[in-house]
Amino acid sequence: MSAAVAAVVREVRWQDLEQLAGLEVELFGAEAWSPASWWGELAGRPRREYLLAEDEGGVAGYAGLDHGGGVSDVMTIAVLPRARGVGLGRRLLDELVDRAVRVGAQRLLLEVRADNAAARGLYSARGFELLATRRGYYPDGVDALVLALDLSQELT
C-alpha cells in the first residue's frame, strides 16, 4: 500500500495551526504563512476550506481552497519531502477539485512558481492550463503562473 493511500485526509482544526505554521517555514521559507495568516484562513470558513493529510509519521501534507461562487481558488497545496513521490499531492489536488465541484464552481484557479517543475507537472497532468503569467511576482523575482481547470469536465 502506498503512503498516499495510507494517509488519512481530514479537515484542519484550530489545534493544527501552530504545527502548520512551522511546516510552512520549512517548506516555503520567506514566503511562509505566519500563524496569524493561518488563523485568518481558518476563520474564513465556510468560504475557506483546509485539509490535512496524516500518515504514520504525522502530517504528510495539507491543502486549501477559497470558494468564490463560480470560481474556486487553490490557496495552498504542500507535501512534506518525506511523503513526496507517492501520489499524495495528486490525492490532495483531486480532493480540492471534488470539493470545488460540490460547491458549484465551474472553474478552479491556482498560482504556481514558474520554477516549481514538480507542481507544474502535477497540475498539467490534472488538466490545468496556463491562463496568465505574473512577471517577477515572487520576492526573489520568479514569475507566477496562473493556471485554470475547467470543472465542467468533472461533472461528466
N, C-alpha and C. Protein backbone atom coordinates (compact mmCIF):
# COMPACT_ATOMS: atom_id res chain seq x y z
N MET A 1 0.85 -1.17 0.00
CA MET A 1 0.00 0.00 0.00
C MET A 1 0.90 1.24 0.00
N SER A 2 0.60 2.20 -0.88
CA SER A 2 1.44 3.40 -0.95
C SER A 2 1.10 4.34 0.19
N ALA A 3 2.04 5.25 0.46
CA ALA A 3 1.84 6.23 1.53
C ALA A 3 0.65 7.12 1.24
N ALA A 4 0.41 7.43 -0.05
CA ALA A 4 -0.73 8.28 -0.40
C ALA A 4 -2.04 7.60 -0.03
N VAL A 5 -2.12 6.30 -0.24
CA VAL A 5 -3.32 5.55 0.09
C VAL A 5 -3.47 5.43 1.60
N ALA A 6 -2.35 5.26 2.29
CA ALA A 6 -2.38 5.06 3.73
C ALA A 6 -2.67 6.35 4.49
N ALA A 7 -2.40 7.50 3.89
CA ALA A 7 -2.64 8.78 4.57
C ALA A 7 -4.13 9.00 4.78
N VAL A 8 -4.45 9.56 5.93
CA VAL A 8 -5.82 9.93 6.25
C VAL A 8 -5.96 11.43 5.99
N VAL A 9 -6.98 11.82 5.25
CA VAL A 9 -7.21 13.23 4.96
C VAL A 9 -8.39 13.69 5.80
N ARG A 10 -8.18 14.79 6.50
CA ARG A 10 -9.24 15.33 7.37
C ARG A 10 -9.21 16.85 7.30
N GLU A 11 -10.22 17.47 7.87
CA GLU A 11 -10.28 18.93 7.95
C GLU A 11 -9.21 19.44 8.92
N VAL A 12 -8.62 20.59 8.60
CA VAL A 12 -7.69 21.23 9.52
C VAL A 12 -8.47 21.76 10.71
N ARG A 13 -7.91 21.57 11.90
CA ARG A 13 -8.51 22.08 13.14
C ARG A 13 -7.65 23.21 13.69
N TRP A 14 -8.24 24.02 14.55
CA TRP A 14 -7.51 25.12 15.18
C TRP A 14 -6.23 24.61 15.85
N GLN A 15 -6.30 23.42 16.43
CA GLN A 15 -5.16 22.86 17.15
C GLN A 15 -3.98 22.54 16.22
N ASP A 16 -4.22 22.48 14.93
CA ASP A 16 -3.17 22.15 13.96
C ASP A 16 -2.35 23.36 13.53
N LEU A 17 -2.84 24.56 13.82
CA LEU A 17 -2.27 25.75 13.20
C LEU A 17 -0.82 26.04 13.58
N GLU A 18 -0.45 25.82 14.81
CA GLU A 18 0.94 26.06 15.21
C GLU A 18 1.88 25.15 14.43
N GLN A 19 1.53 23.89 14.31
CA GLN A 19 2.36 22.95 13.56
C GLN A 19 2.40 23.32 12.08
N LEU A 20 1.27 23.70 11.51
CA LEU A 20 1.24 24.08 10.10
C LEU A 20 2.10 25.31 9.84
N ALA A 21 2.05 26.28 10.73
CA ALA A 21 2.88 27.47 10.57
C ALA A 21 4.37 27.10 10.60
N GLY A 22 4.75 26.15 11.43
CA GLY A 22 6.13 25.69 11.47
C GLY A 22 6.52 24.97 10.20
N LEU A 23 5.63 24.13 9.68
CA LEU A 23 5.90 23.42 8.44
C LEU A 23 6.01 24.40 7.27
N GLU A 24 5.21 25.44 7.28
CA GLU A 24 5.28 26.47 6.24
C GLU A 24 6.68 27.04 6.12
N VAL A 25 7.30 27.35 7.27
CA VAL A 25 8.64 27.91 7.26
C VAL A 25 9.62 26.92 6.65
N GLU A 26 9.51 25.65 7.02
CA GLU A 26 10.39 24.62 6.47
C GLU A 26 10.21 24.49 4.96
N LEU A 27 8.97 24.54 4.50
CA LEU A 27 8.67 24.30 3.09
C LEU A 27 8.81 25.52 2.21
N PHE A 28 8.44 26.70 2.73
CA PHE A 28 8.36 27.89 1.88
C PHE A 28 9.25 29.05 2.30
N GLY A 29 10.00 28.89 3.38
CA GLY A 29 10.94 29.92 3.80
C GLY A 29 10.29 31.29 3.97
N ALA A 30 10.83 32.27 3.27
CA ALA A 30 10.37 33.66 3.39
C ALA A 30 8.93 33.85 2.91
N GLU A 31 8.43 32.93 2.12
CA GLU A 31 7.06 33.05 1.61
C GLU A 31 6.04 32.32 2.50
N ALA A 32 6.48 31.82 3.63
CA ALA A 32 5.61 31.04 4.53
C ALA A 32 4.50 31.90 5.11
N TRP A 33 3.36 31.28 5.30
CA TRP A 33 2.26 31.94 6.01
C TRP A 33 2.60 31.97 7.49
N SER A 34 2.31 33.07 8.13
CA SER A 34 2.53 33.23 9.57
C SER A 34 1.41 32.53 10.34
N PRO A 35 1.61 32.34 11.65
CA PRO A 35 0.49 31.81 12.45
C PRO A 35 -0.76 32.68 12.32
N ALA A 36 -0.59 34.00 12.30
CA ALA A 36 -1.75 34.89 12.16
C ALA A 36 -2.45 34.68 10.82
N SER A 37 -1.68 34.43 9.77
CA SER A 37 -2.28 34.16 8.46
C SER A 37 -3.11 32.88 8.51
N TRP A 38 -2.56 31.85 9.16
CA TRP A 38 -3.31 30.59 9.27
C TRP A 38 -4.60 30.80 10.06
N TRP A 39 -4.53 31.56 11.14
CA TRP A 39 -5.75 31.82 11.92
C TRP A 39 -6.78 32.53 11.04
N GLY A 40 -6.33 33.50 10.25
CA GLY A 40 -7.24 34.22 9.36
C GLY A 40 -7.86 33.31 8.31
N GLU A 41 -7.05 32.40 7.79
CA GLU A 41 -7.56 31.46 6.78
C GLU A 41 -8.65 30.57 7.36
N LEU A 42 -8.41 30.02 8.54
CA LEU A 42 -9.40 29.14 9.14
C LEU A 42 -10.64 29.90 9.58
N ALA A 43 -10.47 31.16 9.95
CA ALA A 43 -11.62 31.99 10.33
C ALA A 43 -12.51 32.28 9.13
N GLY A 44 -11.99 32.07 7.94
CA GLY A 44 -12.76 32.34 6.72
C GLY A 44 -13.72 31.23 6.32
N ARG A 45 -13.88 30.23 7.18
CA ARG A 45 -14.83 29.15 6.86
C ARG A 45 -16.25 29.69 6.87
N PRO A 46 -17.14 29.24 6.07
CA PRO A 46 -17.06 28.09 5.16
C PRO A 46 -16.48 28.43 3.79
N ARG A 47 -16.22 29.71 3.53
CA ARG A 47 -15.65 30.06 2.22
C ARG A 47 -14.27 29.44 2.04
N ARG A 48 -13.49 29.37 3.10
CA ARG A 48 -12.17 28.75 3.05
C ARG A 48 -12.26 27.35 3.62
N GLU A 49 -11.55 26.44 2.98
CA GLU A 49 -11.62 25.03 3.36
C GLU A 49 -10.20 24.46 3.32
N TYR A 50 -9.75 23.88 4.45
CA TYR A 50 -8.38 23.37 4.53
C TYR A 50 -8.37 21.91 4.97
N LEU A 51 -7.49 21.14 4.34
CA LEU A 51 -7.35 19.71 4.58
C LEU A 51 -5.94 19.38 5.04
N LEU A 52 -5.85 18.35 5.85
CA LEU A 52 -4.57 17.88 6.37
C LEU A 52 -4.48 16.39 6.08
N ALA A 53 -3.33 15.96 5.54
CA ALA A 53 -3.08 14.54 5.30
C ALA A 53 -2.09 14.05 6.35
N GLU A 54 -2.46 12.97 7.05
CA GLU A 54 -1.59 12.40 8.08
C GLU A 54 -1.33 10.94 7.75
N ASP A 55 -0.10 10.52 8.03
CA ASP A 55 0.26 9.12 7.90
C ASP A 55 0.94 8.69 9.19
N GLU A 56 1.59 7.55 9.16
CA GLU A 56 2.22 7.04 10.39
C GLU A 56 3.30 7.97 10.93
N GLY A 57 3.83 8.85 10.10
CA GLY A 57 4.86 9.80 10.52
C GLY A 57 4.31 11.15 10.96
N GLY A 58 3.00 11.31 10.95
CA GLY A 58 2.37 12.58 11.32
C GLY A 58 1.88 13.32 10.09
N VAL A 59 1.95 14.64 10.12
CA VAL A 59 1.48 15.44 8.99
C VAL A 59 2.34 15.11 7.77
N ALA A 60 1.67 14.78 6.67
CA ALA A 60 2.37 14.47 5.43
C ALA A 60 2.13 15.55 4.37
N GLY A 61 1.05 16.29 4.52
CA GLY A 61 0.74 17.34 3.56
C GLY A 61 -0.52 18.07 3.95
N TYR A 62 -0.80 19.14 3.24
CA TYR A 62 -2.01 19.92 3.50
C TYR A 62 -2.38 20.70 2.25
N ALA A 63 -3.62 21.15 2.20
CA ALA A 63 -4.11 21.86 1.03
C ALA A 63 -5.31 22.71 1.43
N GLY A 64 -5.60 23.72 0.63
CA GLY A 64 -6.74 24.58 0.95
C GLY A 64 -7.35 25.25 -0.26
N LEU A 65 -8.60 25.62 -0.09
CA LEU A 65 -9.41 26.25 -1.14
C LEU A 65 -10.09 27.50 -0.64
N ASP A 66 -10.36 28.39 -1.57
CA ASP A 66 -11.25 29.53 -1.35
C ASP A 66 -12.36 29.39 -2.37
N HIS A 67 -13.60 29.38 -1.88
CA HIS A 67 -14.75 29.26 -2.78
C HIS A 67 -15.35 30.64 -2.99
N GLY A 68 -15.44 31.05 -4.24
CA GLY A 68 -16.00 32.36 -4.55
C GLY A 68 -17.04 32.27 -5.64
N GLY A 69 -18.11 31.57 -5.38
CA GLY A 69 -19.16 31.44 -6.40
C GLY A 69 -18.76 30.47 -7.48
N GLY A 70 -18.72 30.96 -8.72
CA GLY A 70 -18.41 30.09 -9.85
C GLY A 70 -16.95 29.74 -9.99
N VAL A 71 -16.09 30.37 -9.17
CA VAL A 71 -14.66 30.11 -9.23
C VAL A 71 -14.16 29.77 -7.83
N SER A 72 -13.40 28.70 -7.74
CA SER A 72 -12.68 28.36 -6.51
C SER A 72 -11.20 28.53 -6.80
N ASP A 73 -10.44 28.88 -5.76
CA ASP A 73 -9.00 29.07 -5.88
C ASP A 73 -8.27 28.12 -4.94
N VAL A 74 -7.24 27.46 -5.47
CA VAL A 74 -6.35 26.68 -4.61
C VAL A 74 -5.50 27.69 -3.87
N MET A 75 -5.61 27.72 -2.55
CA MET A 75 -4.85 28.66 -1.73
C MET A 75 -3.45 28.12 -1.42
N THR A 76 -3.38 26.82 -1.20
CA THR A 76 -2.10 26.17 -0.93
C THR A 76 -2.24 24.68 -1.15
N ILE A 77 -1.13 24.08 -1.49
CA ILE A 77 -1.04 22.63 -1.51
C ILE A 77 0.44 22.32 -1.24
N ALA A 78 0.68 21.50 -0.25
CA ALA A 78 2.06 21.21 0.15
C ALA A 78 2.17 19.76 0.58
N VAL A 79 3.26 19.13 0.18
CA VAL A 79 3.57 17.77 0.60
C VAL A 79 4.97 17.80 1.20
N LEU A 80 5.11 17.25 2.40
CA LEU A 80 6.42 17.22 3.05
C LEU A 80 7.38 16.36 2.25
N PRO A 81 8.66 16.71 2.25
CA PRO A 81 9.65 15.95 1.47
C PRO A 81 9.59 14.44 1.70
N ARG A 82 9.38 14.01 2.94
CA ARG A 82 9.36 12.57 3.24
C ARG A 82 8.19 11.85 2.58
N ALA A 83 7.15 12.60 2.16
CA ALA A 83 5.95 11.99 1.59
C ALA A 83 5.79 12.25 0.09
N ARG A 84 6.81 12.80 -0.52
CA ARG A 84 6.73 13.11 -1.95
C ARG A 84 6.99 11.89 -2.81
N GLY A 85 6.42 11.91 -4.01
CA GLY A 85 6.68 10.86 -4.99
C GLY A 85 5.80 9.63 -4.86
N VAL A 86 4.77 9.71 -4.01
CA VAL A 86 3.89 8.54 -3.83
C VAL A 86 2.43 8.86 -4.18
N GLY A 87 2.18 10.03 -4.77
CA GLY A 87 0.83 10.37 -5.19
C GLY A 87 0.02 11.18 -4.20
N LEU A 88 0.62 11.62 -3.10
CA LEU A 88 -0.16 12.38 -2.12
C LEU A 88 -0.56 13.75 -2.65
N GLY A 89 0.31 14.40 -3.40
CA GLY A 89 -0.06 15.69 -4.00
C GLY A 89 -1.25 15.54 -4.91
N ARG A 90 -1.25 14.49 -5.71
CA ARG A 90 -2.37 14.22 -6.62
C ARG A 90 -3.64 13.94 -5.82
N ARG A 91 -3.51 13.19 -4.77
CA ARG A 91 -4.68 12.88 -3.94
C ARG A 91 -5.27 14.15 -3.32
N LEU A 92 -4.42 15.02 -2.80
CA LEU A 92 -4.90 16.28 -2.22
C LEU A 92 -5.54 17.17 -3.30
N LEU A 93 -4.89 17.24 -4.46
CA LEU A 93 -5.45 18.05 -5.55
C LEU A 93 -6.80 17.50 -6.00
N ASP A 94 -6.91 16.19 -6.13
CA ASP A 94 -8.19 15.58 -6.51
C ASP A 94 -9.28 15.91 -5.48
N GLU A 95 -8.92 15.91 -4.22
CA GLU A 95 -9.89 16.25 -3.17
C GLU A 95 -10.33 17.71 -3.30
N LEU A 96 -9.40 18.60 -3.60
CA LEU A 96 -9.76 20.00 -3.80
C LEU A 96 -10.68 20.17 -5.00
N VAL A 97 -10.38 19.47 -6.08
CA VAL A 97 -11.24 19.52 -7.28
C VAL A 97 -12.64 19.03 -6.92
N ASP A 98 -12.74 17.91 -6.23
CA ASP A 98 -14.05 17.36 -5.85
C ASP A 98 -14.83 18.35 -5.00
N ARG A 99 -14.16 18.99 -4.06
CA ARG A 99 -14.84 19.94 -3.18
C ARG A 99 -15.29 21.18 -3.94
N ALA A 100 -14.48 21.64 -4.88
CA ALA A 100 -14.87 22.79 -5.70
C ALA A 100 -16.10 22.46 -6.53
N VAL A 101 -16.12 21.27 -7.11
CA VAL A 101 -17.28 20.84 -7.90
C VAL A 101 -18.52 20.77 -7.02
N ARG A 102 -18.38 20.23 -5.80
CA ARG A 102 -19.53 20.09 -4.89
C ARG A 102 -20.16 21.43 -4.51
N VAL A 103 -19.36 22.50 -4.47
CA VAL A 103 -19.94 23.81 -4.13
C VAL A 103 -20.41 24.57 -5.36
N GLY A 104 -20.30 23.94 -6.53
CA GLY A 104 -20.84 24.55 -7.73
C GLY A 104 -19.87 25.40 -8.54
N ALA A 105 -18.58 25.34 -8.26
CA ALA A 105 -17.61 26.10 -9.04
C ALA A 105 -17.51 25.53 -10.46
N GLN A 106 -17.39 26.41 -11.42
CA GLN A 106 -17.21 25.99 -12.81
C GLN A 106 -15.73 26.00 -13.21
N ARG A 107 -14.92 26.68 -12.37
CA ARG A 107 -13.50 26.82 -12.70
C ARG A 107 -12.68 26.80 -11.42
N LEU A 108 -11.51 26.19 -11.50
CA LEU A 108 -10.58 26.15 -10.38
C LEU A 108 -9.30 26.84 -10.83
N LEU A 109 -8.87 27.84 -10.06
CA LEU A 109 -7.66 28.59 -10.38
C LEU A 109 -6.58 28.32 -9.35
N LEU A 110 -5.34 28.52 -9.75
CA LEU A 110 -4.22 28.45 -8.82
C LEU A 110 -3.05 29.22 -9.38
N GLU A 111 -2.13 29.53 -8.51
CA GLU A 111 -0.88 30.18 -8.87
C GLU A 111 0.26 29.24 -8.51
N VAL A 112 1.25 29.15 -9.37
CA VAL A 112 2.40 28.29 -9.09
C VAL A 112 3.67 29.01 -9.55
N ARG A 113 4.72 28.81 -8.79
CA ARG A 113 6.01 29.38 -9.20
C ARG A 113 6.44 28.75 -10.52
N ALA A 114 6.93 29.57 -11.41
CA ALA A 114 7.36 29.07 -12.72
C ALA A 114 8.50 28.06 -12.59
N ASP A 115 9.28 28.14 -11.51
CA ASP A 115 10.41 27.23 -11.33
C ASP A 115 10.08 25.98 -10.51
N ASN A 116 8.80 25.77 -10.21
CA ASN A 116 8.39 24.58 -9.45
C ASN A 116 7.94 23.49 -10.43
N ALA A 117 8.92 22.78 -10.97
CA ALA A 117 8.64 21.78 -12.01
C ALA A 117 7.73 20.66 -11.52
N ALA A 118 7.92 20.21 -10.30
CA ALA A 118 7.09 19.11 -9.79
C ALA A 118 5.63 19.52 -9.71
N ALA A 119 5.37 20.68 -9.16
CA ALA A 119 3.98 21.15 -9.06
C ALA A 119 3.39 21.40 -10.43
N ARG A 120 4.17 22.00 -11.32
CA ARG A 120 3.66 22.27 -12.67
C ARG A 120 3.30 20.96 -13.37
N GLY A 121 4.11 19.92 -13.17
CA GLY A 121 3.80 18.62 -13.76
C GLY A 121 2.51 18.04 -13.21
N LEU A 122 2.32 18.17 -11.90
CA LEU A 122 1.09 17.69 -11.26
C LEU A 122 -0.12 18.39 -11.85
N TYR A 123 -0.05 19.71 -11.94
CA TYR A 123 -1.19 20.49 -12.44
C TYR A 123 -1.45 20.23 -13.92
N SER A 124 -0.41 20.11 -14.69
CA SER A 124 -0.56 19.83 -16.11
C SER A 124 -1.22 18.46 -16.32
N ALA A 125 -0.76 17.46 -15.56
CA ALA A 125 -1.32 16.11 -15.68
C ALA A 125 -2.80 16.10 -15.30
N ARG A 126 -3.21 17.00 -14.44
CA ARG A 126 -4.60 17.06 -13.99
C ARG A 126 -5.48 17.85 -14.95
N GLY A 127 -4.84 18.53 -15.94
CA GLY A 127 -5.61 19.25 -16.95
C GLY A 127 -5.63 20.76 -16.81
N PHE A 128 -4.86 21.31 -15.87
CA PHE A 128 -4.79 22.76 -15.73
C PHE A 128 -4.08 23.35 -16.94
N GLU A 129 -4.56 24.53 -17.36
CA GLU A 129 -3.97 25.23 -18.50
C GLU A 129 -3.54 26.62 -18.08
N LEU A 130 -2.52 27.14 -18.75
CA LEU A 130 -1.99 28.47 -18.44
C LEU A 130 -3.01 29.54 -18.81
N LEU A 131 -3.30 30.38 -17.85
CA LEU A 131 -4.23 31.49 -18.05
C LEU A 131 -3.48 32.81 -18.18
N ALA A 132 -2.45 33.00 -17.34
CA ALA A 132 -1.68 34.24 -17.34
C ALA A 132 -0.34 34.03 -16.66
N THR A 133 0.59 34.93 -16.91
CA THR A 133 1.88 34.93 -16.24
C THR A 133 2.04 36.26 -15.52
N ARG A 134 2.39 36.20 -14.26
CA ARG A 134 2.66 37.40 -13.47
C ARG A 134 4.18 37.52 -13.36
N ARG A 135 4.74 38.40 -14.15
CA ARG A 135 6.19 38.55 -14.23
C ARG A 135 6.77 39.06 -12.90
N GLY A 136 7.83 38.38 -12.42
CA GLY A 136 8.53 38.81 -11.22
C GLY A 136 7.66 38.88 -9.98
N TYR A 137 6.65 38.05 -9.90
CA TYR A 137 5.65 38.11 -8.84
C TYR A 137 6.21 37.79 -7.45
N TYR A 138 7.07 36.80 -7.37
CA TYR A 138 7.60 36.39 -6.07
C TYR A 138 8.75 37.29 -5.63
N PRO A 139 8.99 37.38 -4.32
CA PRO A 139 10.04 38.30 -3.82
C PRO A 139 11.41 38.07 -4.44
N ASP A 140 11.70 36.85 -4.88
CA ASP A 140 13.00 36.57 -5.49
C ASP A 140 13.00 36.79 -7.00
N GLY A 141 11.90 37.35 -7.52
CA GLY A 141 11.82 37.69 -8.94
C GLY A 141 11.28 36.62 -9.85
N VAL A 142 10.95 35.45 -9.31
CA VAL A 142 10.41 34.36 -10.13
C VAL A 142 8.97 34.68 -10.54
N ASP A 143 8.62 34.32 -11.76
CA ASP A 143 7.26 34.53 -12.26
C ASP A 143 6.28 33.60 -11.57
N ALA A 144 5.03 34.06 -11.49
CA ALA A 144 3.92 33.22 -11.05
C ALA A 144 3.10 32.86 -12.28
N LEU A 145 2.76 31.61 -12.41
CA LEU A 145 1.89 31.16 -13.49
C LEU A 145 0.49 30.97 -12.92
N VAL A 146 -0.48 31.59 -13.54
CA VAL A 146 -1.88 31.43 -13.14
C VAL A 146 -2.46 30.34 -14.04
N LEU A 147 -2.91 29.27 -13.41
CA LEU A 147 -3.44 28.11 -14.13
C LEU A 147 -4.92 27.95 -13.83
N ALA A 148 -5.65 27.39 -14.79
CA ALA A 148 -7.08 27.20 -14.63
C ALA A 148 -7.48 25.80 -15.06
N LEU A 149 -8.46 25.26 -14.36
CA LEU A 149 -9.05 23.96 -14.72
C LEU A 149 -10.54 24.17 -14.92
N ASP A 150 -11.04 23.77 -16.07
CA ASP A 150 -12.46 23.84 -16.38
C ASP A 150 -13.15 22.69 -15.65
N LEU A 151 -13.99 23.02 -14.68
CA LEU A 151 -14.63 21.98 -13.87
C LEU A 151 -15.87 21.38 -14.54
N SER A 152 -16.32 21.95 -15.64
CA SER A 152 -17.47 21.34 -16.32
C SER A 152 -17.13 19.93 -16.78
N GLN A 153 -15.84 19.66 -17.02
CA GLN A 153 -15.40 18.31 -17.41
C GLN A 153 -15.54 17.32 -16.26
N GLU A 154 -15.51 17.84 -15.04
CA GLU A 154 -15.54 17.00 -13.84
C GLU A 154 -16.95 16.46 -13.55
N LEU A 155 -17.95 17.08 -14.12
CA LEU A 155 -19.33 16.70 -13.83
C LEU A 155 -19.80 15.50 -14.63
N THR A 156 -19.03 15.12 -15.64
CA THR A 156 -19.47 14.03 -16.50
C THR A 156 -19.00 12.69 -16.02
